[in-house]
Amino acid sequence: MWRHEFQPGRCISGLVLVTAGVLYTGDAAGEWEVAWFVAIPLVAAGFFFAAVAGLTAHLIRGARRDAHGDGGQHGDGDGGRHGVSGESRGAGDGRGGGAHLIG
């Protein structure tokens, strides 16, 4: 079982930044010459393609969730605000209670 769903936008972003790092590392080591402005269009184009890939994946996942009747909700849909029994947690240390004013 996967620990998390694959996120292609983050993968592309990481690859682009690693590529820029390798290019400038090679330049610093004297292996090749890279102009100072190369990173700007490289990273901008990479982030653009990462955004397109992320948006596409999001739309595909949303369409699959709707087709399966999940409605896009993960878990019980409460965002982790409720415990197992459905009772609301209090403020503070997460064990309930919280600060109460008496009077």
PDB file of N, CA and C in Angstrom:
ATOM      1  N   MET A   1       0.845  -1.178   0.000  1.00  0.00           N
ATOM      2  CA  MET A   1       0.000   0.000   0.000  1.00  0.00           C
ATOM      3  C   MET A   1       0.891   1.243   0.000  1.00  0.00           C
ATOM      4  N   TRP A   2       0.512   2.230  -0.772  1.00  0.00           N
ATOM      5  CA  TRP A   2       1.279   3.463  -0.877  1.00  0.00           C
ATOM      6  C   TRP A   2       1.117   4.299   0.393  1.00  0.00           C
ATOM      7  N   ARG A   3       2.172   4.959   0.797  1.00  0.00           N
ATOM      8  CA  ARG A   3       2.093   5.855   1.948  1.00  0.00           C
ATOM      9  C   ARG A   3       1.349   7.140   1.595  1.00  0.00           C
ATOM     10  N   HIS A   4       1.479   7.565   0.339  1.00  0.00           N
ATOM     11  CA  HIS A   4       0.771   8.761  -0.124  1.00  0.00           C
ATOM     12  C   HIS A   4       0.576   8.629  -1.626  1.00  0.00           C
ATOM     13  N   GLU A   5      -0.308   9.423  -2.176  1.00  0.00           N
ATOM     14  CA  GLU A   5      -0.530   9.363  -3.607  1.00  0.00           C
ATOM     15  C   GLU A   5       0.596  10.088  -4.344  1.00  0.00           C
ATOM     16  N   PHE A   6       0.890   9.612  -5.531  1.00  0.00           N
ATOM     17  CA  PHE A   6       1.943  10.192  -6.354  1.00  0.00           C
ATOM     18  C   PHE A   6       1.530  11.594  -6.780  1.00  0.00           C
ATOM     19  N   GLN A   7       2.460  12.537  -6.661  1.00  0.00           N
ATOM     20  CA  GLN A   7       2.192  13.923  -7.039  1.00  0.00           C
ATOM     21  C   GLN A   7       3.174  14.329  -8.132  1.00  0.00           C
ATOM     22  N   PRO A   8       2.742  14.261  -9.395  1.00  0.00           N
ATOM     23  CA  PRO A   8       3.660  14.513 -10.504  1.00  0.00           C
ATOM     24  C   PRO A   8       4.196  15.940 -10.541  1.00  0.00           C
ATOM     25  N   GLY A   9       3.426  16.903 -10.085  1.00  0.00           N
ATOM     26  CA  GLY A   9       3.900  18.284 -10.085  1.00  0.00           C
ATOM     27  C   GLY A   9       5.108  18.459  -9.182  1.00  0.00           C
ATOM     28  N   ARG A  10       5.080  17.858  -8.014  1.00  0.00           N
ATOM     29  CA  ARG A  10       6.218  17.952  -7.101  1.00  0.00           C
ATOM     30  C   ARG A  10       7.423  17.204  -7.651  1.00  0.00           C
ATOM     31  N   CYS A  11       7.175  16.086  -8.323  1.00  0.00           N
ATOM     32  CA  CYS A  11       8.261  15.325  -8.925  1.00  0.00           C
ATOM     33  C   CYS A  11       8.957  16.157 -10.006  1.00  0.00           C
ATOM     34  N   ILE A  12       8.192  16.783 -10.868  1.00  0.00           N
ATOM     35  CA  ILE A  12       8.770  17.608 -11.929  1.00  0.00           C
ATOM     36  C   ILE A  12       9.509  18.795 -11.326  1.00  0.00           C
ATOM     37  N   SER A  13       8.937  19.439 -10.322  1.00  0.00           N
ATOM     38  CA  SER A  13       9.617  20.567  -9.662  1.00  0.00           C
ATOM     39  C   SER A  13      10.958  20.136  -9.091  1.00  0.00           C
ATOM     40  N   GLY A  14      10.983  19.011  -8.433  1.00  0.00           N
ATOM     41  CA  GLY A  14      12.224  18.512  -7.859  1.00  0.00           C
ATOM     42  C   GLY A  14      13.264  18.204  -8.914  1.00  0.00           C
ATOM     43  N   LEU A  15      12.841  17.567 -10.007  1.00  0.00           N
ATOM     44  CA  LEU A  15      13.780  17.257 -11.080  1.00  0.00           C
ATOM     45  C   LEU A  15      14.350  18.511 -11.720  1.00  0.00           C
ATOM     46  N   VAL A  16      13.519  19.519 -11.896  1.00  0.00           N
ATOM     47  CA  VAL A  16      13.990  20.776 -12.486  1.00  0.00           C
ATOM     48  C   VAL A  16      15.005  21.457 -11.571  1.00  0.00           C
ATOM     49  N   LEU A  17      14.722  21.498 -10.280  1.00  0.00           N
ATOM     50  CA  LEU A  17      15.656  22.142  -9.355  1.00  0.00           C
ATOM     51  C   LEU A  17      16.954  21.350  -9.228  1.00  0.00           C
ATOM     52  N   VAL A  18      16.870  20.025  -9.260  1.00  0.00           N
ATOM     53  CA  VAL A  18      18.091  19.211  -9.240  1.00  0.00           C
ATOM     54  C   VAL A  18      18.899  19.453 -10.519  1.00  0.00           C
ATOM     55  N   THR A  19      18.224  19.553 -11.659  1.00  0.00           N
ATOM     56  CA  THR A  19      18.911  19.838 -12.919  1.00  0.00           C
ATOM     57  C   THR A  19      19.635  21.181 -12.860  1.00  0.00           C
ATOM     58  N   ALA A  20      18.960  22.200 -12.346  1.00  0.00           N
ATOM     59  CA  ALA A  20      19.610  23.512 -12.209  1.00  0.00           C
ATOM     60  C   ALA A  20      20.804  23.416 -11.268  1.00  0.00           C
ATOM     61  N   GLY A  21      20.670  22.685 -10.194  1.00  0.00           N
ATOM     62  CA  GLY A  21      21.777  22.508  -9.263  1.00  0.00           C
ATOM     63  C   GLY A  21      22.957  21.789  -9.891  1.00  0.00           C
ATOM     64  N   VAL A  22      22.678  20.745 -10.681  1.00  0.00           N
ATOM     65  CA  VAL A  22      23.752  20.014 -11.356  1.00  0.00           C
ATOM     66  C   VAL A  22      24.448  20.904 -12.380  1.00  0.00           C
ATOM     67  N   LEU A  23      23.667  21.689 -13.116  1.00  0.00           N
ATOM     68  CA  LEU A  23      24.271  22.595 -14.101  1.00  0.00           C
ATOM     69  C   LEU A  23      25.232  23.576 -13.444  1.00  0.00           C
ATOM     70  N   TYR A  24      24.814  24.194 -12.365  1.00  0.00           N
ATOM     71  CA  TYR A  24      25.666  25.185 -11.717  1.00  0.00           C
ATOM     72  C   TYR A  24      26.790  24.542 -10.912  1.00  0.00           C
ATOM     73  N   THR A  25      26.601  23.305 -10.460  1.00  0.00           N
ATOM     74  CA  THR A  25      27.700  22.591  -9.806  1.00  0.00           C
ATOM     75  C   THR A  25      28.793  22.269 -10.822  1.00  0.00           C
ATOM     76  N   GLY A  26      28.385  21.821 -12.002  1.00  0.00           N
ATOM     77  CA  GLY A  26      29.354  21.574 -13.070  1.00  0.00           C
ATOM     78  C   GLY A  26      30.064  22.836 -13.496  1.00  0.00           C
ATOM     79  N   ASP A  27      29.347  23.948 -13.506  1.00  0.00           N
ATOM     80  CA  ASP A  27      29.958  25.230 -13.836  1.00  0.00           C
ATOM     81  C   ASP A  27      30.965  25.631 -12.766  1.00  0.00           C
ATOM     82  N   ALA A  28      30.612  25.456 -11.507  1.00  0.00           N
ATOM     83  CA  ALA A  28      31.510  25.811 -10.415  1.00  0.00           C
ATOM     84  C   ALA A  28      32.755  24.926 -10.394  1.00  0.00           C
ATOM     85  N   ALA A  29      32.602  23.664 -10.808  1.00  0.00           N
ATOM     86  CA  ALA A  29      33.735  22.741 -10.832  1.00  0.00           C
ATOM     87  C   ALA A  29      34.611  22.942 -12.060  1.00  0.00           C
ATOM     88  N   GLY A  30      34.164  23.763 -12.999  1.00  0.00           N
ATOM     89  CA  GLY A  30      34.947  24.033 -14.197  1.00  0.00           C
ATOM     90  C   GLY A  30      34.751  23.018 -15.302  1.00  0.00           C
ATOM     91  N   GLU A  31      33.752  22.171 -15.184  1.00  0.00           N
ATOM     92  CA  GLU A  31      33.498  21.161 -16.211  1.00  0.00           C
ATOM     93  C   GLU A  31      32.898  21.772 -17.474  1.00  0.00           C
ATOM     94  N   TRP A  32      32.041  22.766 -17.321  1.00  0.00           N
ATOM     95  CA  TRP A  32      31.418  23.455 -18.447  1.00  0.00           C
ATOM     96  C   TRP A  32      31.023  24.850 -18.015  1.00  0.00           C
ATOM     97  N   GLU A  33      30.660  25.660 -18.992  1.00  0.00           N
ATOM     98  CA  GLU A  33      30.240  27.041 -18.734  1.00  0.00           C
ATOM     99  C   GLU A  33      28.721  27.143 -18.848  1.00  0.00           C
ATOM    100  N   VAL A  34      28.102  27.726 -17.833  1.00  0.00           N
ATOM    101  CA  VAL A  34      26.665  27.966 -17.842  1.00  0.00           C
ATOM    102  C   VAL A  34      26.457  29.449 -17.585  1.00  0.00           C
ATOM    103  N   ALA A  35      25.693  30.096 -18.460  1.00  0.00           N
ATOM    104  CA  ALA A  35      25.416  31.526 -18.278  1.00  0.00           C
ATOM    105  C   ALA A  35      24.600  31.726 -17.005  1.00  0.00           C
ATOM    106  N   TRP A  36      24.759  32.874 -16.380  1.00  0.00           N
ATOM    107  CA  TRP A  36      24.101  33.144 -15.099  1.00  0.00           C
ATOM    108  C   TRP A  36      22.583  33.154 -15.219  1.00  0.00           C
ATOM    109  N   PHE A  37      22.049  33.497 -16.387  1.00  0.00           N
ATOM    110  CA  PHE A  37      20.596  33.639 -16.541  1.00  0.00           C
ATOM    111  C   PHE A  37      19.900  32.348 -16.950  1.00  0.00           C
ATOM    112  N   VAL A  38      20.612  31.251 -17.073  1.00  0.00           N
ATOM    113  CA  VAL A  38      20.009  29.998 -17.531  1.00  0.00           C
ATOM    114  C   VAL A  38      18.975  29.475 -16.534  1.00  0.00           C
ATOM    115  N   ALA A  39      19.204  29.688 -15.267  1.00  0.00           N
ATOM    116  CA  ALA A  39      18.307  29.138 -14.245  1.00  0.00           C
ATOM    117  C   ALA A  39      16.914  29.755 -14.313  1.00  0.00           C
ATOM    118  N   ILE A  40      16.823  31.010 -14.675  1.00  0.00           N
ATOM    119  CA  ILE A  40      15.519  31.689 -14.665  1.00  0.00           C
ATOM    120  C   ILE A  40      14.536  31.040 -15.634  1.00  0.00           C
ATOM    121  N   PRO A  41      14.855  30.916 -16.944  1.00  0.00           N
ATOM    122  CA  PRO A  41      13.877  30.256 -17.828  1.00  0.00           C
ATOM    123  C   PRO A  41      13.724  28.760 -17.553  1.00  0.00           C
ATOM    124  N   LEU A  42      14.812  28.114 -17.108  1.00  0.00           N
ATOM    125  CA  LEU A  42      14.737  26.688 -16.802  1.00  0.00           C
ATOM    126  C   LEU A  42      13.755  26.425 -15.660  1.00  0.00           C
ATOM    127  N   VAL A  43      13.912  27.157 -14.581  1.00  0.00           N
ATOM    128  CA  VAL A  43      13.049  26.952 -13.418  1.00  0.00           C
ATOM    129  C   VAL A  43      11.624  27.448 -13.701  1.00  0.00           C
ATOM    130  N   ALA A  44      11.495  28.559 -14.399  1.00  0.00           N
ATOM    131  CA  ALA A  44      10.155  29.069 -14.723  1.00  0.00           C
ATOM    132  C   ALA A  44       9.391  28.082 -15.605  1.00  0.00           C
ATOM    133  N   ALA A  45      10.042  27.568 -16.637  1.00  0.00           N
ATOM    134  CA  ALA A  45       9.378  26.595 -17.511  1.00  0.00           C
ATOM    135  C   ALA A  45       9.091  25.301 -16.749  1.00  0.00           C
ATOM    136  N   GLY A  46      10.029  24.886 -15.912  1.00  0.00           N
ATOM    137  CA  GLY A  46       9.813  23.676 -15.124  1.00  0.00           C
ATOM    138  C   GLY A  46       8.641  23.804 -14.177  1.00  0.00           C
ATOM    139  N   PHE A  47       8.542  24.952 -13.512  1.00  0.00           N
ATOM    140  CA  PHE A  47       7.412  25.164 -12.609  1.00  0.00           C
ATOM    141  C   PHE A  47       6.093  25.254 -13.369  1.00  0.00           C
ATOM    142  N   PHE A  48       6.135  25.812 -14.581  1.00  0.00           N
ATOM    143  CA  PHE A  48       4.920  25.861 -15.403  1.00  0.00           C
ATOM    144  C   PHE A  48       4.449  24.449 -15.727  1.00  0.00           C
ATOM    145  N   PHE A  49       5.374  23.605 -16.195  1.00  0.00           N
ATOM    146  CA  PHE A  49       5.002  22.229 -16.526  1.00  0.00           C
ATOM    147  C   PHE A  49       4.596  21.443 -15.281  1.00  0.00           C
ATOM    148  N   ALA A  50       5.222  21.741 -14.151  1.00  0.00           N
ATOM    149  CA  ALA A  50       4.831  21.087 -12.895  1.00  0.00           C
ATOM    150  C   ALA A  50       3.415  21.484 -12.505  1.00  0.00           C
ATOM    151  N   ALA A  51       3.074  22.751 -12.702  1.00  0.00           N
ATOM    152  CA  ALA A  51       1.720  23.210 -12.385  1.00  0.00           C
ATOM    153  C   ALA A  51       0.693  22.543 -13.295  1.00  0.00           C
ATOM    154  N   VAL A  52       1.020  22.427 -14.574  1.00  0.00           N
ATOM    155  CA  VAL A  52       0.104  21.764 -15.514  1.00  0.00           C
ATOM    156  C   VAL A  52      -0.076  20.297 -15.127  1.00  0.00           C
ATOM    157  N   ALA A  53       1.024  19.630 -14.795  1.00  0.00           N
ATOM    158  CA  ALA A  53       0.940  18.219 -14.400  1.00  0.00           C
ATOM    159  C   ALA A  53       0.156  18.062 -13.099  1.00  0.00           C
ATOM    160  N   GLY A  54       0.392  18.935 -12.135  1.00  0.00           N
ATOM    161  CA  GLY A  54      -0.331  18.868 -10.871  1.00  0.00           C
ATOM    162  C   GLY A  54      -1.812  19.129 -11.036  1.00  0.00           C
ATOM    163  N   LEU A  55      -2.145  20.116 -11.837  1.00  0.00           N
ATOM    164  CA  LEU A  55      -3.550  20.425 -12.091  1.00  0.00           C
ATOM    165  C   LEU A  55      -4.243  19.278 -12.822  1.00  0.00           C
ATOM    166  N   THR A  56      -3.558  18.713 -13.795  1.00  0.00           N
ATOM    167  CA  THR A  56      -4.126  17.583 -14.534  1.00  0.00           C
ATOM    168  C   THR A  56      -4.362  16.395 -13.603  1.00  0.00           C
ATOM    169  N   ALA A  57      -3.384  16.095 -12.766  1.00  0.00           N
ATOM    170  CA  ALA A  57      -3.544  14.984 -11.815  1.00  0.00           C
ATOM    171  C   ALA A  57      -4.683  15.259 -10.846  1.00  0.00           C
ATOM    172  N   HIS A  58      -4.794  16.505 -10.399  1.00  0.00           N
ATOM    173  CA  HIS A  58      -5.878  16.860  -9.477  1.00  0.00           C
ATOM    174  C   HIS A  58      -7.241  16.680 -10.142  1.00  0.00           C
ATOM    175  N   LEU A  59      -7.352  17.114 -11.389  1.00  0.00           N
ATOM    176  CA  LEU A  59      -8.620  16.976 -12.095  1.00  0.00           C
ATOM    177  C   LEU A  59      -8.959  15.511 -12.346  1.00  0.00           C
ATOM    178  N   ILE A  60      -7.952  14.708 -12.682  1.00  0.00           N
ATOM    179  CA  ILE A  60      -8.199  13.285 -12.921  1.00  0.00           C
ATOM    180  C   ILE A  60      -8.620  12.600 -11.625  1.00  0.00           C
ATOM    181  N   ARG A  61      -7.933  12.915 -10.521  1.00  0.00           N
ATOM    182  CA  ARG A  61      -8.305  12.302  -9.245  1.00  0.00           C
ATOM    183  C   ARG A  61      -9.702  12.729  -8.811  1.00  0.00           C
ATOM    184  N   GLY A  62     -10.047  13.987  -9.051  1.00  0.00           N
ATOM    185  CA  GLY A  62     -11.385  14.455  -8.703  1.00  0.00           C
ATOM    186  C   GLY A  62     -12.455  13.747  -9.512  1.00  0.00           C
ATOM    187  N   ALA A  63     -12.175  13.519 -10.804  1.00  0.00           N
ATOM    188  CA  ALA A  63     -13.134  12.815 -11.647  1.00  0.00           C
ATOM    189  C   ALA A  63     -13.291  11.369 -11.200  1.00  0.00           C
ATOM    190  N   ARG A  64     -12.187  10.740 -10.780  1.00  0.00           N
ATOM    191  CA  ARG A  64     -12.268   9.352 -10.300  1.00  0.00           C
ATOM    192  C   ARG A  64     -13.042   9.266  -8.997  1.00  0.00           C
ATOM    193  N   ARG A  65     -12.800  10.227  -8.100  1.00  0.00           N
ATOM    194  CA  ARG A  65     -13.525  10.208  -6.817  1.00  0.00           C
ATOM    195  C   ARG A  65     -15.019  10.391  -7.045  1.00  0.00           C
ATOM    196  N   ASP A  66     -15.371  11.298  -7.950  1.00  0.00           N
ATOM    197  CA  ASP A  66     -16.785  11.515  -8.234  1.00  0.00           C
ATOM    198  C   ASP A  66     -17.413  10.279  -8.881  1.00  0.00           C
ATOM    199  N   ALA A  67     -16.668   9.580  -9.722  1.00  0.00           N
ATOM    200  CA  ALA A  67     -17.189   8.389 -10.386  1.00  0.00           C
ATOM    201  C   ALA A  67     -17.408   7.254  -9.394  1.00  0.00           C
ATOM    202  N   HIS A  68     -16.587   7.212  -8.354  1.00  0.00           N
ATOM    203  CA  HIS A  68     -16.725   6.161  -7.346  1.00  0.00           C
ATOM    204  C   HIS A  68     -17.683   6.557  -6.232  1.00  0.00           C
ATOM    205  N   GLY A  69     -18.218   7.756  -6.280  1.00  0.00           N
ATOM    206  CA  GLY A  69     -19.188   8.178  -5.285  1.00  0.00           C
ATOM    207  C   GLY A  69     -18.586   8.659  -3.985  1.00  0.00           C
ATOM    208  N   ASP A  70     -17.284   8.898  -3.964  1.00  0.00           N
ATOM    209  CA  ASP A  70     -16.620   9.350  -2.741  1.00  0.00           C
ATOM    210  C   ASP A  70     -16.865  10.832  -2.496  1.00  0.00           C
ATOM    211  N   GLY A  71     -17.103  11.591  -3.536  1.00  0.00           N
ATOM    212  CA  GLY A  71     -17.366  13.016  -3.381  1.00  0.00           C
ATOM    213  C   GLY A  71     -16.127  13.825  -3.027  1.00  0.00           C
ATOM    214  N   GLY A  72     -14.938  13.218  -3.145  1.00  0.00           N
ATOM    215  CA  GLY A  72     -13.719  13.943  -2.872  1.00  0.00           C
ATOM    216  C   GLY A  72     -13.344  14.013  -1.409  1.00  0.00           C
ATOM    217  N   GLN A  73     -14.074  13.340  -0.538  1.00  0.00           N
ATOM    218  CA  GLN A  73     -13.780  13.375   0.895  1.00  0.00           C
ATOM    219  C   GLN A  73     -12.807  12.281   1.246  1.00  0.00           C
ATOM    220  N   HIS A  74     -11.848  12.591   2.098  1.00  0.00           N
ATOM    221  CA  HIS A  74     -10.929  11.604   2.628  1.00  0.00           C
ATOM    222  C   HIS A  74     -11.319  11.332   4.075  1.00  0.00           C
ATOM    223  N   GLY A  75     -11.272  10.102   4.482  1.00  0.00           N
ATOM    224  CA  GLY A  75     -11.598   9.770   5.864  1.00  0.00           C
ATOM    225  C   GLY A  75     -13.058  10.046   6.151  1.00  0.00           C
ATOM    226  N   ASP A  76     -13.304  10.664   7.321  1.00  0.00           N
ATOM    227  CA  ASP A  76     -14.683  10.936   7.703  1.00  0.00           C
ATOM    228  C   ASP A  76     -15.128  12.341   7.306  1.00  0.00           C
ATOM    229  N   GLY A  77     -14.242  13.108   6.657  1.00  0.00           N
ATOM    230  CA  GLY A  77     -14.629  14.403   6.136  1.00  0.00           C
ATOM    231  C   GLY A  77     -14.642  15.522   7.153  1.00  0.00           C
ATOM    232  N   ASP A  78     -14.139  15.288   8.367  1.00  0.00           N
ATOM    233  CA  ASP A  78     -14.181  16.347   9.370  1.00  0.00           C
ATOM    234  C   ASP A  78     -12.846  17.063   9.519  1.00  0.00           C
ATOM    235  N   GLY A  79     -11.863  16.700   8.695  1.00  0.00           N
ATOM    236  CA  GLY A  79     -10.578  17.375   8.750  1.00  0.00           C
ATOM    237  C   GLY A  79      -9.781  17.042  10.000  1.00  0.00           C
ATOM    238  N   GLY A  80     -10.078  15.952  10.663  1.00  0.00           N
ATOM    239  CA  GLY A  80      -9.346  15.535  11.846  1.00  0.00           C
ATOM    240  C   GLY A  80      -9.750  16.255  13.114  1.00  0.00           C
ATOM    241  N   ARG A  81     -10.887  16.926  13.110  1.00  0.00           N
ATOM    242  CA  ARG A  81     -11.307  17.688  14.292  1.00  0.00           C
ATOM    243  C   ARG A  81     -12.020  16.832  15.321  1.00  0.00           C
ATOM    244  N   HIS A  82     -12.468  15.660  14.925  1.00  0.00           N
ATOM    245  CA  HIS A  82     -13.237  14.827  15.837  1.00  0.00           C
ATOM    246  C   HIS A  82     -12.508  13.527  16.098  1.00  0.00           C
ATOM    247  N   GLY A  83     -12.717  12.991  17.274  1.00  0.00           N
ATOM    248  CA  GLY A  83     -12.106  11.725  17.652  1.00  0.00           C
ATOM    249  C   GLY A  83     -12.863  10.556  17.062  1.00  0.00           C
ATOM    250  N   VAL A  84     -12.535   9.375  17.553  1.00  0.00           N
ATOM    251  CA  VAL A  84     -13.157   8.161  17.048  1.00  0.00           C
ATOM    252  C   VAL A  84     -14.648   8.147  17.341  1.00  0.00           C
ATOM    253  N   SER A  85     -15.028   8.635  18.512  1.00  0.00           N
ATOM    254  CA  SER A  85     -16.437   8.601  18.894  1.00  0.00           C
ATOM    255  C   SER A  85     -17.233   9.750  18.291  1.00  0.00           C
ATOM    256  N   GLY A  86     -16.557  10.669  17.594  1.00  0.00           N
ATOM    257  CA  GLY A  86     -17.252  11.788  16.989  1.00  0.00           C
ATOM    258  C   GLY A  86     -17.360  12.996  17.889  1.00  0.00           C
ATOM    259  N   GLU A  87     -16.816  12.906  19.101  1.00  0.00           N
ATOM    260  CA  GLU A  87     -16.874  14.035  20.013  1.00  0.00           C
ATOM    261  C   GLU A  87     -15.817  15.059  19.635  1.00  0.00           C
ATOM    262  N   SER A  88     -16.148  16.292  19.843  1.00  0.00           N
ATOM    263  CA  SER A  88     -15.227  17.366  19.509  1.00  0.00           C
ATOM    264  C   SER A  88     -14.124  17.449  20.547  1.00  0.00           C
ATOM    265  N   ARG A  89     -12.901  17.659  20.077  1.00  0.00           N
ATOM    266  CA  ARG A  89     -11.777  17.837  20.993  1.00  0.00           C
ATOM    267  C   ARG A  89     -11.751  19.261  21.505  1.00  0.00           C
ATOM    268  N   GLY A  90     -11.298  19.414  22.710  1.00  0.00           N
ATOM    269  CA  GLY A  90     -11.177  20.745  23.288  1.00  0.00           C
ATOM    270  C   GLY A  90      -9.873  21.400  22.887  1.00  0.00           C
ATOM    271  N   ALA A  91      -9.686  22.621  23.307  1.00  0.00           N
ATOM    272  CA  ALA A  91      -8.464  23.353  23.007  1.00  0.00           C
ATOM    273  C   ALA A  91      -7.357  22.900  23.941  1.00  0.00           C
ATOM    274  N   GLY A  92      -6.155  23.232  23.610  1.00  0.00           N
ATOM    275  CA  GLY A  92      -5.040  22.957  24.510  1.00  0.00           C
ATOM    276  C   GLY A  92      -4.267  21.732  24.106  1.00  0.00           C
ATOM    277  N   ASP A  93      -4.172  20.760  25.001  1.00  0.00           N
ATOM    278  CA  ASP A  93      -3.279  19.629  24.795  1.00  0.00           C
ATOM    279  C   ASP A  93      -3.912  18.498  23.976  1.00  0.00           C
ATOM    280  N   GLY A  94      -5.091  18.650  23.476  1.00  0.00           N
ATOM    281  CA  GLY A  94      -5.710  17.630  22.636  1.00  0.00           C
ATOM    282  C   GLY A  94      -6.431  16.556  23.411  1.00  0.00           C
ATOM    283  N   ARG A  95      -6.463  16.646  24.749  1.00  0.00           N
ATOM    284  CA  ARG A  95      -7.144  15.627  25.547  1.00  0.00           C
ATOM    285  C   ARG A  95      -8.538  16.080  25.987  1.00  0.00           C
ATOM    286  N   GLY A  96      -8.990  17.175  25.449  1.00  0.00           N
ATOM    287  CA  GLY A  96     -10.307  17.656  25.822  1.00  0.00           C
ATOM    288  C   GLY A  96     -10.220  18.726  26.873  1.00  0.00           C
ATOM    289  N   GLY A  97     -11.336  19.236  27.253  1.00  0.00           N
ATOM    290  CA  GLY A  97     -11.356  20.257  28.303  1.00  0.00           C
ATOM    291  C   GLY A  97     -11.076  21.624  27.747  1.00  0.00           C
ATOM    292  N   GLY A  98      -9.851  22.021  27.779  1.00  0.00           N
ATOM    293  CA  GLY A  98      -9.487  23.349  27.318  1.00  0.00           C
ATOM    294  C   GLY A  98      -9.721  24.370  28.412  1.00  0.00           C
ATOM    295  N   ALA A  99      -9.586  25.606  28.077  1.00  0.00           N
ATOM    296  CA  ALA A  99      -9.766  26.693  29.056  1.00  0.00           C
ATOM    297  C   ALA A  99     -11.237  27.050  29.158  1.00  0.00           C
ATOM    298  N   HIS A 100     -11.753  27.045  30.381  1.00  0.00           N
ATOM    299  CA  HIS A 100     -13.158  27.408  30.609  1.00  0.00           C
ATOM    300  C   HIS A 100     -13.214  28.575  31.573  1.00  0.00           C
ATOM    301  N   LEU A 101     -14.136  29.454  31.307  1.00  0.00           N
ATOM    302  CA  LEU A 101     -14.362  30.569  32.212  1.00  0.00           C
ATOM    303  C   LEU A 101     -15.473  30.206  33.184  1.00  0.00           C
ATOM    304  N   ILE A 102     -15.246  30.440  34.454  1.00  0.00           N
ATOM    305  CA  ILE A 102     -16.250  30.147  35.463  1.00  0.00           C
ATOM    306  C   ILE A 102     -16.813  31.464  35.952  1.00  0.00           C
ATOM    307  N   GLY A 103     -18.117  31.522  35.997  1.00  0.00           N
ATOM    308  CA  GLY A 103     -18.676  32.734  36.575  1.00  0.00           C
ATOM    309  C   GLY A 103     -19.740  33.309  35.827  1.00  0.00           C
TER     310      GLY A 103
END
